Amino acid sequence: MSKSIYNRRSFLTVTGVALGPWQWPLRYPSRCSGAAATTPGAKPYIAIVSKGFQHQFWQAVKQGAEKAASEFNVTITFEGPNTEADVDQQIQMLTTALGKNPAAIGFAALDSKAATPLLEQAKSKNIPIIAFDSGVDSDIPVGTASTDNKAAAGEAAKHLAGLIGNEGNIAIICHDQTSKSGVDRRDGFKDWIAANAPKIKIVDIQYAGGDQLKSTDAAKAIIAAHPELKGMYGTNEGSAIGVVNAVNELGLKDKLTIVGFDSGKAQLDAIRGGVMAGAITQNPVGIGYETVKAAVAAINKQPVKKVIDTGFYWYDAKNIDSEQIKPNLYQ
């Protein structure tokens, strides 16, 4: 069993319930300070803007955020755009969240640069930002709760290389080239191959927005252009399942080795069925939990780690049902 040592459209409102010793005593910012206003006696409000809501990964992140909201006696909202390609919709959601003057904001950026003006606004209003899953190209967030995506992608590359005998042509279906997670999962994979597998060539990288149908079409196009292909890597749930669908539709189960990122029922089924060799799973519940926990600490003027590493695991048919892996799979 391999465990990394690198310790990763609807609108929902969750009201926390205090749990005795876990509850943090919160101090409420003053209205005249420019910080988020809170009615005396009311629970602090934390707005969470995710990268999406459609994948099971984000549902698991939400569950972790709900758990922390309950423990730390805060109220949260959790929302995300319709797709992980809709940067404009996410920016509008962040704008709306800022307009509600929350005590803190959790933000998973689809574009690491696009939200900078809004983050500047939050800073000017003394609203702490906690980045999660994907960081931003700014030092404004007081902390970032995420997987070490470069290290995790390197782990995926190591396994794919071993599975294809450390030689041959491979390709990548990436969910995007604008978010930090997308870039890191691409570059971490590429860097490991370049440094450790000189006989492996990455012949193509396509970006499909994390959409299963688009990822399927992209994978089919790559396979048609490179019939000698030995392996493919999908950088998130939608990307990986798109590759699985393409391989199934083309009848290449025993000819093409697939590794992925994230889990979800479709990926678990693909691994159990032998279509996908294995994947990296993050700790999405932990990401959501640590985001809210860090936000509470920031509201309280308590220290927050700049980087909150939530960990990752490699899983395959051999360890998928182990006690170590099962808690980190979401479906």
Protein backbone atom coordinates (compact mmCIF):
# COMPACT_ATOMS: atom_id res chain seq x y z
CA MET A 1 0.00 0.00 0.00
CA SER A 2 1.41 3.38 -0.97
CA LYS A 3 0.76 6.44 1.12
CA SER A 4 2.36 9.75 0.33
CA ILE A 5 4.42 11.24 3.09
CA TYR A 6 3.97 14.71 1.70
CA ASN A 7 1.17 15.67 4.02
CA ARG A 8 -5.00 17.47 -0.93
CA ARG A 9 -25.53 24.75 -8.37
CA SER A 10 -27.12 24.69 -5.70
CA PHE A 11 -26.65 27.02 -2.80
CA LEU A 12 -26.54 25.56 0.69
CA THR A 13 -26.64 27.24 4.08
CA VAL A 14 -25.35 25.35 7.09
CA THR A 15 -25.79 26.45 10.67
CA GLY A 16 -23.25 25.16 13.15
CA VAL A 17 -23.97 23.70 16.58
CA ALA A 18 -21.42 24.10 19.37
CA LEU A 19 -19.69 20.95 20.58
CA GLY A 20 -18.32 21.79 24.02
CA PRO A 21 -14.54 21.51 24.15
CA TRP A 22 -14.20 21.82 20.39
CA GLN A 23 -15.91 25.19 20.28
CA TRP A 24 -13.63 28.20 19.91
CA PRO A 25 -14.64 31.43 21.69
CA LEU A 26 -15.00 33.96 18.89
CA ARG A 27 -14.39 37.66 19.09
CA TYR A 28 -16.54 39.74 16.79
CA PRO A 29 -15.00 42.54 14.70
CA SER A 30 -16.21 46.07 15.21
CA ARG A 31 -18.30 47.74 12.54
CA CYS A 32 -16.19 50.86 12.64
CA SER A 33 -12.99 48.91 11.95
CA GLY A 34 -14.04 48.13 8.37
CA ALA A 35 -14.12 44.43 9.16
CA ALA A 36 -17.08 42.19 8.56
CA ALA A 37 -19.99 43.21 10.71
CA THR A 38 -21.58 40.63 13.01
CA THR A 39 -24.69 41.19 15.10
CA PRO A 40 -23.84 40.66 18.79
CA GLY A 41 -24.72 37.10 19.76
CA ALA A 42 -24.98 35.92 16.16
CA LYS A 43 -22.76 33.20 14.77
CA PRO A 44 -19.95 34.40 12.49
CA TYR A 45 -20.74 33.90 8.81
CA ILE A 46 -18.14 32.35 6.47
CA ALA A 47 -18.82 32.40 2.71
CA ILE A 48 -17.23 29.53 0.77
CA VAL A 49 -16.88 29.78 -3.01
CA SER A 50 -15.78 26.51 -4.56
CA LYS A 51 -14.50 25.63 -8.04
CA GLY A 52 -17.60 23.57 -8.73
CA PHE A 53 -20.48 21.61 -7.32
CA GLN A 54 -20.94 18.90 -9.94
CA HIS A 55 -18.23 16.42 -8.95
CA GLN A 56 -18.40 14.18 -5.90
CA PHE A 57 -15.11 15.67 -4.78
CA TRP A 58 -16.78 19.01 -4.06
CA GLN A 59 -19.63 17.31 -2.20
CA ALA A 60 -17.01 15.75 0.07
CA VAL A 61 -15.31 19.13 0.58
CA LYS A 62 -18.70 20.54 1.54
CA GLN A 63 -19.20 17.75 4.07
CA GLY A 64 -15.90 18.63 5.73
CA ALA A 65 -16.84 22.31 5.82
CA GLU A 66 -20.19 21.44 7.39
CA LYS A 67 -18.47 19.34 10.04
CA ALA A 68 -16.17 22.21 11.00
CA ALA A 69 -19.07 24.69 10.98
CA SER A 70 -20.84 22.49 13.50
CA GLU A 71 -17.80 22.08 15.72
CA PHE A 72 -16.78 25.73 15.73
CA ASN A 73 -20.29 27.18 15.97
CA VAL A 74 -20.28 29.22 12.76
CA THR A 75 -22.65 29.60 9.81
CA ILE A 76 -21.37 28.87 6.30
CA THR A 77 -22.63 29.00 2.74
CA PHE A 78 -21.06 26.76 0.10
CA GLU A 79 -21.52 27.33 -3.63
CA GLY A 80 -19.71 26.80 -6.91
CA PRO A 81 -20.18 27.46 -10.63
CA ASN A 82 -21.99 25.09 -12.97
CA THR A 83 -18.73 23.88 -14.50
CA GLU A 84 -15.06 24.17 -13.63
CA ALA A 85 -14.54 26.17 -16.82
CA ASP A 86 -16.90 28.99 -15.82
CA VAL A 87 -14.50 31.54 -14.37
CA ASP A 88 -16.92 34.43 -14.92
CA GLN A 89 -19.68 32.75 -12.90
CA GLN A 90 -17.25 32.05 -10.07
CA ILE A 91 -16.08 35.67 -10.05
CA GLN A 92 -19.72 36.79 -9.80
CA MET A 93 -20.23 34.42 -6.86
CA LEU A 94 -17.18 35.87 -5.11
CA THR A 95 -18.48 39.39 -5.79
CA THR A 96 -21.84 38.47 -4.25
CA ALA A 97 -20.13 36.88 -1.25
CA LEU A 98 -18.10 40.04 -0.63
CA GLY A 99 -21.30 42.07 -0.77
CA LYS A 100 -22.65 40.09 2.19
CA ASN A 101 -19.74 41.31 4.33
CA PRO A 102 -18.84 37.90 5.79
CA ALA A 103 -16.48 37.38 8.71
CA ALA A 104 -14.20 35.36 6.39
CA ILE A 105 -14.20 33.81 2.91
CA GLY A 106 -13.02 30.40 1.70
CA PHE A 107 -12.08 30.49 -1.99
CA ALA A 108 -10.94 27.81 -4.48
CA ALA A 109 -9.86 29.73 -7.57
CA LEU A 110 -10.61 28.53 -11.08
CA ASP A 111 -8.18 31.15 -12.37
CA SER A 112 -5.25 31.95 -10.10
CA LYS A 113 -5.08 35.56 -11.36
CA ALA A 114 -8.64 36.59 -12.26
CA ALA A 115 -9.85 37.09 -8.69
CA THR A 116 -6.99 39.35 -7.57
CA PRO A 117 -9.01 42.63 -7.65
CA LEU A 118 -11.73 41.05 -5.49
CA LEU A 119 -9.16 39.68 -3.07
CA GLU A 120 -7.78 43.22 -2.79
CA GLN A 121 -11.30 44.40 -1.91
CA ALA A 122 -11.57 41.75 0.78
CA LYS A 123 -8.23 42.82 2.22
CA SER A 124 -9.33 46.46 2.29
CA LYS A 125 -12.43 45.40 4.27
CA ASN A 126 -10.34 43.29 6.68
CA ILE A 127 -12.08 40.10 5.55
CA PRO A 128 -9.60 37.22 5.80
CA ILE A 129 -9.37 34.89 2.80
CA ILE A 130 -8.61 31.19 3.14
CA ALA A 131 -7.70 29.61 -0.19
CA PHE A 132 -8.47 25.92 -0.64
CA ASP A 133 -7.75 23.23 -3.23
CA SER A 134 -6.20 25.81 -5.60
CA GLY A 135 -4.13 28.75 -4.45
CA VAL A 136 -3.96 32.15 -6.10
CA ASP A 137 -1.10 34.26 -7.44
CA SER A 138 -1.25 36.56 -4.44
CA ASP A 139 -0.11 36.65 -0.84
CA ILE A 140 -3.49 37.97 0.30
CA PRO A 141 -4.88 34.61 1.53
CA VAL A 142 -3.80 34.10 5.12
CA GLY A 143 -3.55 30.36 4.42
CA THR A 144 -4.17 27.71 1.76
CA ALA A 145 -5.65 24.29 2.57
CA SER A 146 -4.78 21.93 -0.25
CA THR A 147 -3.05 18.84 -1.52
CA ASP A 148 0.58 19.15 -2.57
CA ASN A 149 -0.53 18.73 -6.16
CA LYS A 150 2.94 18.65 -7.68
CA ALA A 151 4.06 15.86 -5.38
CA ALA A 152 0.79 13.99 -5.91
CA ALA A 153 1.10 14.26 -9.70
CA GLY A 154 4.66 12.98 -9.44
CA GLU A 155 3.35 9.97 -7.54
CA ALA A 156 0.85 9.30 -10.34
CA ALA A 157 3.64 9.59 -12.92
CA LYS A 158 5.83 7.16 -10.98
CA HIS A 159 3.09 4.54 -10.97
CA LEU A 160 2.19 4.98 -14.64
CA ALA A 161 5.85 4.74 -15.63
CA GLY A 162 6.26 1.49 -13.73
CA LEU A 163 3.10 0.03 -15.17
CA ILE A 164 4.21 0.59 -18.80
CA GLY A 165 7.77 -0.61 -18.29
CA ASN A 166 9.34 2.87 -18.12
CA GLU A 167 9.16 3.44 -21.87
CA GLY A 168 6.66 4.43 -24.54
CA ASN A 169 4.33 7.28 -25.46
CA ILE A 170 1.76 8.70 -23.07
CA ALA A 171 -0.67 11.64 -22.97
CA ILE A 172 -2.45 13.86 -20.46
CA ILE A 173 -6.05 15.06 -20.25
CA CYS A 174 -5.93 18.10 -17.96
CA HIS A 175 -8.91 19.83 -16.38
CA ASP A 176 -7.50 23.32 -17.00
CA GLN A 177 -4.39 25.43 -17.45
CA THR A 178 -5.50 28.41 -15.35
CA SER A 179 -5.99 27.09 -11.80
CA LYS A 180 -3.00 26.36 -9.62
CA SER A 181 -4.17 22.77 -9.13
CA GLY A 182 -4.48 22.23 -12.88
CA VAL A 183 -1.03 23.65 -13.55
CA ASP A 184 0.60 21.78 -10.66
CA ARG A 185 -0.99 18.44 -11.55
CA ARG A 186 0.20 18.83 -15.12
CA ASP A 187 3.69 20.10 -14.31
CA GLY A 188 4.30 17.76 -11.39
CA PHE A 189 3.59 14.82 -13.70
CA LYS A 190 5.71 16.20 -16.55
CA ASP A 191 8.60 17.06 -14.25
CA TRP A 192 8.72 13.57 -12.75
CA ILE A 193 8.73 11.94 -16.19
CA ALA A 194 11.46 14.29 -17.44
CA ALA A 195 13.65 13.61 -14.41
CA ASN A 196 13.09 9.88 -14.00
CA ALA A 197 11.83 8.28 -17.21
CA PRO A 198 13.87 9.39 -20.24
CA LYS A 199 12.36 6.67 -22.45
CA ILE A 200 8.81 7.92 -21.88
CA LYS A 201 7.51 10.67 -24.16
CA ILE A 202 4.45 12.82 -23.45
CA VAL A 203 3.07 13.21 -26.97
CA ASP A 204 0.03 15.38 -26.23
CA ILE A 205 -1.70 17.39 -23.50
CA GLN A 206 -5.33 18.42 -23.95
CA TYR A 207 -7.52 20.62 -21.73
CA ALA A 208 -11.19 19.71 -21.38
CA GLY A 209 -12.44 21.74 -18.41
CA GLY A 210 -12.96 18.68 -16.23
CA ASP A 211 -16.02 17.80 -18.32
CA GLN A 212 -16.48 14.06 -18.89
CA LEU A 213 -17.87 14.33 -22.42
CA LYS A 214 -15.23 16.80 -23.58
CA SER A 215 -12.53 14.69 -21.93
CA THR A 216 -13.85 11.59 -23.71
CA ASP A 217 -13.69 13.36 -27.08
CA ALA A 218 -10.20 14.70 -26.34
CA ALA A 219 -8.96 11.25 -25.34
CA LYS A 220 -10.41 9.68 -28.49
CA ALA A 221 -8.71 12.30 -30.65
CA ILE A 222 -5.35 11.67 -28.99
CA ILE A 223 -5.70 7.90 -29.38
CA ALA A 224 -6.60 8.31 -33.06
CA ALA A 225 -3.53 10.47 -33.64
CA HIS A 226 -1.23 8.19 -31.62
CA PRO A 227 -2.33 4.56 -32.01
CA GLU A 228 0.91 3.42 -30.35
CA LEU A 229 -0.05 5.17 -27.10
CA LYS A 230 0.68 3.12 -23.98
CA GLY A 231 -0.78 5.26 -21.20
CA MET A 232 -2.93 8.26 -20.26
CA TYR A 233 -3.28 10.41 -17.17
CA GLY A 234 -6.41 12.38 -16.20
CA THR A 235 -5.84 15.24 -13.77
CA ASN A 236 -9.23 15.24 -12.01
CA GLU A 237 -12.41 13.22 -11.69
CA GLY A 238 -14.04 14.38 -14.93
CA SER A 239 -10.80 14.14 -16.92
CA ALA A 240 -10.02 10.63 -15.71
CA ILE A 241 -13.53 9.32 -16.35
CA GLY A 242 -13.42 10.83 -19.83
CA VAL A 243 -10.33 8.72 -20.54
CA VAL A 244 -12.05 5.64 -19.09
CA ASN A 245 -15.07 6.23 -21.31
CA ALA A 246 -12.88 6.60 -24.40
CA VAL A 247 -10.98 3.40 -23.66
CA ASN A 248 -14.22 1.49 -23.05
CA GLU A 249 -15.84 2.79 -26.23
CA LEU A 250 -12.76 1.95 -28.31
CA GLY A 251 -12.29 -1.49 -26.74
CA LEU A 252 -8.77 -0.74 -25.52
CA LYS A 253 -9.06 -1.92 -21.92
CA ASP A 254 -6.09 -4.29 -22.19
CA LYS A 255 -3.98 -2.03 -24.42
CA LEU A 256 -3.93 1.35 -22.67
CA THR A 257 -2.95 1.99 -19.05
CA ILE A 258 -4.89 4.75 -17.27
CA VAL A 259 -4.04 6.58 -14.07
CA GLY A 260 -6.16 9.35 -12.62
CA PHE A 261 -6.69 11.88 -9.87
CA ASP A 262 -9.52 12.03 -7.29
CA SER A 263 -12.01 9.23 -6.73
CA GLY A 264 -15.79 9.15 -7.01
CA LYS A 265 -17.94 6.12 -7.81
CA ALA A 266 -17.11 5.95 -11.52
CA GLN A 267 -13.37 5.88 -10.87
CA LEU A 268 -13.73 3.31 -8.09
CA ASP A 269 -15.77 1.11 -10.44
CA ALA A 270 -13.17 1.56 -13.21
CA ILE A 271 -10.37 0.49 -10.88
CA ARG A 272 -12.28 -2.48 -9.53
CA GLY A 273 -13.16 -3.45 -13.09
CA GLY A 274 -9.57 -3.24 -14.30
CA VAL A 275 -10.08 -0.37 -16.76
CA MET A 276 -8.12 2.13 -14.68
CA ALA A 277 -4.88 1.03 -13.02
CA GLY A 278 -5.12 3.42 -10.09
CA ALA A 279 -5.38 7.04 -9.04
CA ILE A 280 -4.42 9.66 -6.51
CA THR A 281 -7.06 10.42 -3.92
CA GLN A 282 -6.99 13.55 -1.89
CA ASN A 283 -8.55 14.24 1.50
CA PRO A 284 -11.53 16.37 0.42
CA VAL A 285 -13.34 16.18 3.75
CA GLY A 286 -10.12 17.36 5.37
CA ILE A 287 -9.78 20.21 2.88
CA GLY A 288 -13.27 21.51 3.71
CA TYR A 289 -12.74 21.04 7.43
CA GLU A 290 -9.35 22.77 7.49
CA THR A 291 -10.68 25.67 5.41
CA VAL A 292 -13.36 26.50 7.95
CA LYS A 293 -11.04 25.80 10.89
CA ALA A 294 -8.46 28.23 9.46
CA ALA A 295 -11.16 30.83 8.79
CA VAL A 296 -12.28 30.64 12.42
CA ALA A 297 -8.68 31.07 13.57
CA ALA A 298 -8.28 34.10 11.29
CA ILE A 299 -11.49 35.65 12.62
CA ASN A 300 -10.11 35.13 16.11
CA LYS A 301 -6.78 36.78 15.18
CA GLN A 302 -5.06 33.48 15.89
CA PRO A 303 -2.11 32.09 13.86
CA VAL A 304 -2.89 30.32 10.58
CA LYS A 305 -0.34 28.23 8.70
CA LYS A 306 0.39 29.72 5.30
CA VAL A 307 0.28 26.23 3.75
CA ILE A 308 -2.07 23.62 5.25
CA ASP A 309 -1.09 20.33 3.62
CA THR A 310 -4.08 17.96 3.64
CA GLY A 311 -2.27 14.93 2.18
CA PHE A 312 -2.84 12.40 -0.61
CA TYR A 313 -2.74 8.66 -1.31
CA TRP A 314 -2.18 6.36 -4.28
CA TYR A 315 -4.90 3.72 -4.49
CA ASP A 316 -5.47 0.78 -6.80
CA ALA A 317 -7.24 -2.58 -6.82
CA LYS A 318 -4.88 -3.90 -4.15
CA ASN A 319 -5.56 -1.30 -1.46
CA ILE A 320 -8.87 0.30 -2.47
CA ASP A 321 -10.76 -1.40 0.36
CA SER A 322 -8.09 -0.98 3.03
CA GLU A 323 -8.83 0.85 6.26
CA GLN A 324 -6.24 3.49 5.35
CA ILE A 325 -7.70 4.29 1.94
CA LYS A 326 -11.47 3.88 2.40
CA PRO A 327 -11.96 7.03 4.52
CA ASN A 328 -10.39 9.12 1.73
CA LEU A 329 -12.62 7.86 -1.07
CA TYR A 330 -15.84 9.70 -1.89
CA GLN A 331 -18.80 8.49 -3.91
